[in-house]
Amino acid sequence: DTGRGVEAWVSSLLPRDEFKAFDWEFPTAKIIPYTLNGGAPSSVWYDRVGGFEPRYPEQTPSVERSAKQVLDVIDPAVKRGVP
């Protein structure tokens, strides 16, 4: 899902004043060819080859790119003083 979709879902779970009490970040994964979807461009955090079972490992380069993307959101928030 996209960050916008997750934000809508999370905000539906909380009373509005509680949701607004926090500084939320809902990043969207980059669009990459997703092997489990026939290589179609998809907004996913990492690629998988073979399936979801533990015997099919994540594709490390795509996990590392996503980790960097998440850190690029977290680091500025920490610098702003978000605990």
Protein backbone atom coordinates (compact mmCIF):
# COMPACT_ATOMS: atom_id res chain seq x y z
CA ASP A 1 0.00 0.00 0.00
CA THR A 2 1.04 3.60 -0.26
CA GLY A 3 1.84 5.86 2.66
CA ARG A 4 -1.40 7.71 1.97
CA GLY A 5 -3.39 4.46 2.18
CA VAL A 6 -1.75 3.44 5.45
CA GLU A 7 -2.37 6.93 6.85
CA ALA A 8 -6.07 6.66 6.03
CA TRP A 9 -6.26 3.24 7.67
CA VAL A 10 -4.36 4.30 10.84
CA SER A 11 -6.40 7.49 11.19
CA SER A 12 -9.60 5.42 10.97
CA LEU A 13 -8.51 3.44 14.03
CA LEU A 14 -8.04 6.41 16.35
CA PRO A 15 -10.20 9.29 17.50
CA ARG A 16 -9.23 12.38 15.47
CA ASP A 17 -7.75 14.26 18.45
CA GLU A 18 -5.53 11.30 19.34
CA PHE A 19 -4.36 10.94 15.76
CA LYS A 20 -3.52 14.66 15.56
CA ALA A 21 -1.58 14.48 18.84
CA PHE A 22 1.33 12.69 17.13
CA ASP A 23 3.77 13.61 14.38
CA TRP A 24 3.21 10.77 11.91
CA GLU A 25 5.27 9.86 8.87
CA PHE A 26 3.78 7.52 6.26
CA PRO A 27 6.36 6.96 3.54
CA THR A 28 5.46 5.24 0.30
CA ALA A 29 7.71 2.52 -1.05
CA LYS A 30 9.33 3.24 -4.38
CA ILE A 31 7.85 1.61 -7.44
CA ILE A 32 10.01 -1.30 -8.52
CA PRO A 33 9.50 -4.37 -10.70
CA TYR A 34 7.98 -6.89 -8.27
CA THR A 35 8.92 -10.44 -9.16
CA LEU A 36 5.95 -12.04 -7.35
CA ASN A 37 3.64 -9.88 -9.46
CA GLY A 38 5.16 -11.02 -12.74
CA GLY A 39 7.68 -8.17 -12.71
CA ALA A 40 4.95 -5.53 -12.85
CA PRO A 41 5.87 -2.13 -11.40
CA SER A 42 4.57 -2.09 -7.83
CA SER A 43 4.92 0.08 -4.74
CA VAL A 44 6.69 -2.46 -2.50
CA TRP A 45 9.43 -2.16 0.10
CA TYR A 46 11.47 -5.06 -1.23
CA ASP A 47 11.41 -7.69 -3.92
CA ARG A 48 10.78 -11.40 -3.35
CA VAL A 49 11.65 -14.27 -5.63
CA GLY A 50 9.90 -17.63 -5.29
CA GLY A 51 7.29 -16.86 -2.63
CA PHE A 52 6.72 -15.70 0.93
CA GLU A 53 7.85 -18.85 2.72
CA PRO A 54 11.05 -18.49 4.79
CA ARG A 55 12.98 -20.66 2.32
CA TYR A 56 12.68 -17.80 -0.21
CA PRO A 57 14.93 -14.99 1.00
CA GLU A 58 14.35 -11.30 0.47
CA GLN A 59 16.42 -9.70 -2.23
CA THR A 60 19.05 -7.92 -0.13
CA PRO A 61 19.72 -4.96 -2.46
CA SER A 62 16.03 -4.02 -2.47
CA VAL A 63 15.85 -4.33 1.34
CA GLU A 64 18.90 -2.08 1.70
CA ARG A 65 17.38 0.56 -0.63
CA SER A 66 14.18 0.54 1.42
CA ALA A 67 16.09 0.77 4.70
CA LYS A 68 17.89 3.85 3.37
CA GLN A 69 14.57 5.38 2.31
CA VAL A 70 13.12 4.84 5.81
CA LEU A 71 16.26 6.24 7.46
CA ASP A 72 15.97 9.29 5.21
CA VAL A 73 12.59 9.90 6.87
CA ILE A 74 13.68 9.08 10.43
CA ASP A 75 16.94 11.04 10.56
CA PRO A 76 15.40 14.48 9.88
CA ALA A 77 12.64 13.75 12.41
CA VAL A 78 15.23 12.94 15.08
CA LYS A 79 17.07 16.17 14.22
CA ARG A 80 13.78 18.06 14.72
CA GLY A 81 13.59 16.58 18.21
CA VAL A 82 11.04 13.83 17.62
CA PRO A 83 11.85 11.13 20.20
